[in-house]
Protein backbone atom coordinates (compact mmCIF):
# COMPACT_ATOMS: atom_id res chain seq x y z
CA UNK A 1 -3.00 13.98 -12.35
CA UNK A 2 -4.28 11.99 -9.37
CA UNK A 3 -3.66 12.39 -5.68
CA UNK A 4 -1.39 9.53 -4.56
CA UNK A 5 -2.12 8.12 -1.12
CA UNK A 6 0.08 5.77 0.91
CA UNK A 7 -1.62 4.22 3.93
CA UNK A 8 0.94 3.06 6.46
CA UNK A 9 1.78 2.29 10.06
CA UNK A 10 4.85 3.70 11.80
CA UNK A 11 7.46 0.90 11.85
CA UNK A 12 7.65 0.33 15.60
CA UNK A 13 8.80 -3.10 16.90
CA UNK A 14 5.89 -5.14 18.19
CA UNK A 15 3.29 -2.95 16.45
CA UNK A 16 4.08 -3.56 12.80
CA UNK A 17 4.49 -6.67 10.65
CA UNK A 18 3.84 -9.02 13.57
CA UNK A 19 3.24 -11.90 11.15
CA UNK A 20 6.93 -11.74 10.26
CA UNK A 21 7.55 -13.26 13.69
CA UNK A 22 8.56 -16.01 14.18
CA UNK A 23 11.20 -16.05 11.51
CA UNK A 24 12.33 -12.57 12.43
CA UNK A 25 12.51 -10.77 15.75
CA UNK A 26 10.14 -7.84 16.34
CA UNK A 27 13.06 -5.45 15.78
CA UNK A 28 13.99 -7.14 12.50
CA UNK A 29 10.37 -7.13 11.38
CA UNK A 30 10.18 -3.40 12.07
CA UNK A 31 13.41 -2.81 10.14
CA UNK A 32 11.94 -4.64 7.14
CA UNK A 33 8.72 -2.66 7.47
CA UNK A 34 10.66 0.61 7.55
CA UNK A 35 12.62 -0.43 4.46
CA UNK A 36 9.43 -1.42 2.63
CA UNK A 37 7.80 1.89 3.52
CA UNK A 38 10.89 3.86 2.46
CA UNK A 39 10.96 2.12 -0.93
CA UNK A 40 7.24 2.67 -1.42
CA UNK A 41 7.52 6.38 -0.66
CA UNK A 42 10.55 6.73 -2.92
CA UNK A 43 8.56 5.14 -5.74
CA UNK A 44 5.54 7.38 -5.16
CA UNK A 45 7.82 10.43 -5.19
CA UNK A 46 8.80 9.53 -8.77
CA UNK A 47 5.21 9.35 -10.08
CA UNK A 48 3.58 12.54 -11.39
CA UNK A 49 0.84 13.57 -8.97
CA UNK A 50 -1.38 16.48 -8.03
CA UNK A 51 -0.55 15.74 -4.40
CA UNK A 52 1.25 13.02 -2.43
CA UNK A 53 -0.20 12.09 0.94
CA UNK A 54 1.02 9.72 3.65
CA UNK A 55 -1.95 8.54 5.69
CA UNK A 56 -0.11 7.50 8.81
CA UNK A 57 -0.84 5.62 12.01
CA UNK A 58 1.98 7.01 14.12
CA UNK A 59 4.72 9.61 13.79
CA UNK A 60 6.84 10.34 10.69
CA UNK A 61 10.50 9.33 10.83
CA UNK A 62 13.71 9.63 8.86
CA UNK A 63 12.20 7.42 6.17
CA UNK A 64 9.81 10.17 5.01
CA UNK A 65 11.09 12.03 1.92
CA UNK A 66 10.21 15.60 1.06
CA UNK A 67 7.10 16.37 -0.94
CA UNK A 68 4.52 14.47 1.11
CA UNK A 69 1.66 15.81 3.18
CA UNK A 70 1.12 13.72 6.30
CA UNK A 71 -2.37 13.16 7.68
CA UNK A 72 -3.34 10.87 10.57
CA UNK A 73 -5.37 7.77 9.98
CA UNK A 74 -8.87 7.82 11.39
CA UNK A 75 -9.94 5.23 13.92
CA UNK A 76 -11.94 2.20 12.89
CA UNK A 77 -11.56 -0.87 10.74
CA UNK A 78 -9.09 -0.94 7.87
CA UNK A 79 -11.95 -0.48 5.43
CA UNK A 80 -13.14 2.58 7.32
CA UNK A 81 -9.61 4.02 7.38
CA UNK A 82 -9.17 3.46 3.64
CA UNK A 83 -12.52 5.08 2.91
CA UNK A 84 -11.61 8.09 5.07
CA UNK A 85 -8.28 8.46 3.28
CA UNK A 86 -10.10 8.76 -0.04
CA UNK A 87 -12.84 11.06 1.14
CA UNK A 88 -10.20 13.41 2.57
CA UNK A 89 -8.96 14.15 -0.95
CA UNK A 90 -9.71 17.64 -2.18
CA UNK A 91 -10.63 16.92 -5.79
CA UNK A 92 -9.85 14.78 -8.80
CA UNK A 93 -9.03 11.07 -8.92
CA UNK A 94 -6.98 9.36 -6.22
CA UNK A 95 -4.90 6.19 -6.03
CA UNK A 96 -4.12 4.48 -2.74
CA UNK A 97 -1.36 1.95 -2.10
CA UNK A 98 -0.13 0.24 1.03
CA UNK A 99 3.37 -0.11 2.48
CA UNK A 100 3.72 -3.85 1.85
CA UNK A 101 4.89 -3.94 -1.78
CA UNK A 102 8.44 -2.55 -1.96
CA UNK A 103 8.84 -4.10 -5.43
CA UNK A 104 6.36 -1.52 -6.75
CA UNK A 105 7.75 0.53 -9.64
CA UNK A 106 6.76 3.97 -10.95
CA UNK A 107 5.95 2.36 -14.30
CA UNK A 108 3.13 0.34 -12.75
CA UNK A 109 1.41 3.49 -11.55
CA UNK A 110 2.11 5.73 -14.53
CA UNK A 111 0.03 3.36 -16.68
CA UNK A 112 -3.06 4.57 -14.81
CA UNK A 113 -5.26 6.82 -16.93
CA UNK A 114 -8.85 7.84 -16.45
CA UNK A 115 -10.21 7.71 -20.00
CA UNK A 116 -13.45 5.70 -19.76
CA UNK A 117 -12.26 4.24 -16.45
CA UNK A 118 -13.85 4.73 -13.03
CA UNK A 119 -11.61 2.56 -10.87
CA UNK A 120 -8.26 0.80 -10.90
CA UNK A 121 -7.71 -2.36 -8.88
CA UNK A 122 -4.38 -3.97 -7.94
CA UNK A 123 -4.88 -7.55 -6.69
CA UNK A 124 -2.46 -9.16 -4.25
CA UNK A 125 -1.37 -12.79 -4.22
CA UNK A 126 -2.80 -13.33 -0.73
CA UNK A 127 -6.32 -12.51 -1.92
CA UNK A 128 -6.28 -8.88 -0.87
CA UNK A 129 -5.34 -5.82 -2.89
CA UNK A 130 -2.28 -3.59 -3.02
CA UNK A 131 -3.77 -0.64 -4.91
CA UNK A 132 -7.14 1.00 -5.37
CA UNK A 133 -7.82 3.98 -7.59
CA UNK A 134 -11.08 5.91 -7.76
CA UNK A 135 -12.05 8.58 -10.25
CA UNK A 136 -14.45 10.00 -7.64
CA UNK A 137 -12.89 9.56 -4.17
CA UNK A 138 -15.97 11.00 -2.46
CA UNK A 139 -17.77 7.73 -3.28
CA UNK A 140 -15.32 5.68 -1.20
CA UNK A 141 -17.66 5.39 1.78
CA UNK A 142 -20.12 3.38 -0.31
CA UNK A 143 -17.45 1.58 -2.32
CA UNK A 144 -15.07 0.46 0.45
CA UNK A 145 -16.69 0.72 3.85
CA UNK A 146 -18.07 -2.64 4.97
CA UNK A 147 -15.89 -4.83 2.75
CA UNK A 148 -14.28 -7.49 5.03
CA UNK A 149 -10.54 -6.82 5.15
CA UNK A 150 -7.55 -9.12 5.70
CA UNK A 151 -9.25 -12.25 4.39
CA UNK A 152 -8.43 -14.45 1.37
CA UNK A 153 -11.56 -13.06 -0.32
CA UNK A 154 -11.04 -9.37 0.39
CA UNK A 155 -9.81 -8.54 -3.10
CA UNK A 156 -12.61 -10.40 -4.85
CA UNK A 157 -15.23 -8.80 -2.61
CA UNK A 158 -13.79 -5.31 -3.09
CA UNK A 159 -13.64 -5.68 -6.85
CA UNK A 160 -17.22 -7.02 -6.92
CA UNK A 161 -18.34 -3.99 -4.87
CA UNK A 162 -16.88 -1.71 -7.54
CA UNK A 163 -18.56 -3.61 -10.37
CA UNK A 164 -21.90 -3.79 -8.56
CA UNK A 165 -21.79 0.02 -8.29
CA UNK A 166 -21.66 0.18 -12.08
CA UNK A 167 -18.05 1.30 -12.30
CA UNK A 168 -15.74 0.56 -15.22
CA UNK A 169 -12.82 -1.23 -13.53
CA UNK A 170 -9.35 -1.86 -14.94
CA UNK A 171 -6.81 -4.14 -13.31
CA UNK A 172 -3.18 -3.60 -12.40
CA UNK A 173 -0.73 -6.55 -12.20
CA UNK A 174 -0.88 -8.95 -9.26
CA UNK A 175 1.77 -8.22 -6.63
CA UNK A 176 2.82 -10.07 -3.51
CA UNK A 177 2.56 -8.41 -0.09
CA UNK A 178 5.23 -8.79 2.57
CA UNK A 179 3.30 -10.50 5.36
CA UNK A 180 5.37 -13.56 6.31
CA UNK A 181 9.06 -14.44 6.38
CA UNK A 182 8.63 -16.42 3.16
CA UNK A 183 6.93 -13.40 1.55
CA UNK A 184 9.90 -11.25 2.56
CA UNK A 185 12.36 -13.60 0.88
CA UNK A 186 10.25 -13.80 -2.29
CA UNK A 187 9.65 -10.06 -2.57
CA UNK A 188 13.25 -9.27 -1.69
CA UNK A 189 14.36 -11.24 -4.73
CA UNK A 190 12.16 -8.99 -6.90
CA UNK A 191 13.52 -5.72 -5.53
CA UNK A 192 16.54 -3.96 -7.06
CA UNK A 193 19.75 -4.74 -5.14
CA UNK A 194 20.09 -1.06 -4.18
CA UNK A 195 16.59 -0.87 -2.70
CA UNK A 196 16.11 -0.30 1.01
CA UNK A 197 14.24 -3.59 1.34
CA UNK A 198 16.85 -5.74 -0.39
CA UNK A 199 19.58 -4.11 1.69
CA UNK A 200 17.65 -4.62 4.94
CA UNK A 201 17.07 -8.27 4.11
CA UNK A 202 20.75 -8.82 3.29
CA UNK A 203 21.71 -7.26 6.61
CA UNK A 204 19.81 -9.86 8.62
CA UNK A 205 21.59 -12.94 10.00
CA UNK A 206 21.74 -15.86 7.59
CA UNK A 207 19.82 -18.01 10.06
CA UNK A 208 16.59 -16.03 9.59
CA UNK A 209 16.72 -15.63 5.83
């Protein structure tokens, strides 16, 4: 079984999901971020794993379920922080996801196997990626560090880096990240009605939905 990593930022108003404003207030954006993170962690808790790790920029809150180790993010670019999250794994394969896809289901991750596969890649609709799995996490420095992040070409460049290293890569389904107010409405429609994210979105004033 792999180590499952969630890389996340503490949902503090003004520090998280700033692209949700305008459209939402900083407090509302943070509430949606907290709901998205809570749903992501709940999903990860339902996937068989050797270890579950929250790689966190900030302090854990009420949204953190039992069964997770919490480690601080390193400083540096997003690529450097992702690479450090992988290289901190003790052994065996590892799969990293972000906090921006609350529609993620356990079934999407339980399809990951490592027979004749070196890496798993989950592309995002904005050109980035929502998941990255590595059979050998210790190679992450060479496989991730230096890839330009948060651009429309990030996903393509990251996947090409994996292929250029000679890895056998398999793809997960494309998912949409919650980055903008329109993203939030679209993703919210994909989440179960009893999810934290759908409930948080319903709780917001009609004027901002």
